[in-house]
Protein backbone atom coordinates (compact mmCIF):
# COMPACT_ATOMS: atom_id res chain seq x y z
CA MET A 1 -38.87 49.60 16.78
CA THR A 2 -38.50 53.13 15.49
CA LYS A 3 -36.42 55.62 17.38
CA PRO A 4 -38.02 58.98 18.21
CA LEU A 5 -36.62 61.80 16.12
CA GLN A 6 -34.62 64.35 18.07
CA VAL A 7 -34.54 67.76 16.38
CA ASP A 8 -32.22 70.13 18.19
CA GLU A 9 -32.05 73.88 17.64
CA VAL A 10 -29.18 73.59 15.15
CA TRP A 11 -31.15 71.29 12.81
CA ALA A 12 -34.35 73.30 13.25
CA GLU A 13 -32.46 76.44 12.22
CA ARG A 14 -30.91 74.66 9.22
CA ILE A 15 -34.33 73.49 8.03
CA VAL A 16 -35.88 76.94 8.46
CA ASP A 17 -32.94 78.50 6.56
CA GLN A 18 -33.60 76.18 3.61
CA VAL A 19 -37.34 76.95 3.56
CA ASN A 20 -36.91 80.74 3.86
CA GLY A 21 -37.08 82.47 0.51
CA LEU A 22 -38.36 79.38 -1.27
CA GLU A 23 -41.20 80.42 -3.59
CA TYR A 24 -41.66 77.15 -5.51
CA GLY A 25 -39.88 73.96 -4.58
CA SER A 26 -39.31 71.46 -1.83
CA VAL A 27 -37.10 70.71 1.14
CA LEU A 28 -36.34 67.05 1.81
CA VAL A 29 -35.06 65.98 5.23
CA THR A 30 -33.31 62.59 5.28
CA VAL A 31 -33.37 60.64 8.55
CA HIS A 32 -31.26 57.57 9.41
CA ALA A 33 -31.68 55.71 12.69
CA GLY A 34 -33.67 58.54 14.24
CA ARG A 35 -31.12 61.24 13.31
CA ILE A 36 -31.32 63.91 10.63
CA VAL A 37 -28.35 63.36 8.32
CA GLN A 38 -29.14 65.44 5.23
CA ILE A 39 -31.23 68.33 3.93
CA GLU A 40 -31.89 68.78 0.20
CA ARG A 41 -33.44 71.90 -1.30
CA THR A 42 -34.94 71.84 -4.79
CA GLU A 43 -35.96 75.22 -6.11
CA ARG A 44 -38.20 75.75 -9.13
CA LYS A 45 -38.30 78.94 -11.15
CA ARG A 46 -41.49 79.80 -13.00
CA PHE A 47 -41.44 82.25 -15.86
CA GLU A 48 -44.56 83.97 -17.13
CA ASN A 49 -45.07 84.51 -20.84
CA ASN A 50 -44.72 88.28 -20.93
CA SER A 51 -46.50 89.50 -24.07
CA ALA A 52 -45.56 93.14 -23.32
CA ALA A 53 -41.86 92.32 -23.52
CA SER A 54 -42.19 90.47 -26.82
CA ALA A 55 -44.34 93.27 -28.32
CA SER A 56 -41.70 95.87 -27.46
CA ALA A 57 -39.01 93.72 -29.06
CA GLY A 58 -40.88 93.81 -32.37
CA SER A 59 -41.15 90.06 -32.87
CA SER A 60 -42.24 87.05 -30.94
CA PRO A 61 -39.31 85.13 -29.47
CA GLU A 62 -38.73 81.49 -30.37
CA PRO A 63 -39.35 79.05 -27.54
CA PHE A 64 -35.91 77.47 -28.08
CA PRO A 65 -32.82 78.66 -29.95
CA ALA A 66 -32.61 77.25 -33.48
CA HIS A 67 -29.82 74.78 -32.63
CA ASN A 68 -31.96 73.32 -29.82
CA GLN A 69 -34.98 73.01 -32.12
CA THR A 70 -32.93 70.83 -34.43
CA LYS A 71 -31.95 68.59 -31.53
CA LEU A 72 -35.55 68.39 -30.37
CA LYS A 73 -36.75 67.38 -33.85
CA ASN A 74 -34.16 64.59 -33.92
CA LEU A 75 -35.54 63.20 -30.65
CA SER A 76 -39.07 62.72 -31.98
């Protein structure tokens, strides 16, 4: 039978701290035998394609540096 999960103030504060400021991502709470034992935070960063920045630079930037493009071609 499953044990009821007890979330005390300390764990509640830890979880809220991990969620605060998170724009894109997830917070994973791991429970063993009815007790919280771990919190994992995965944060994603999203970058917009800023055409104004590339226009002011005078040329369109490459999506990957040249040495990475070579590696990517070798993978396909």
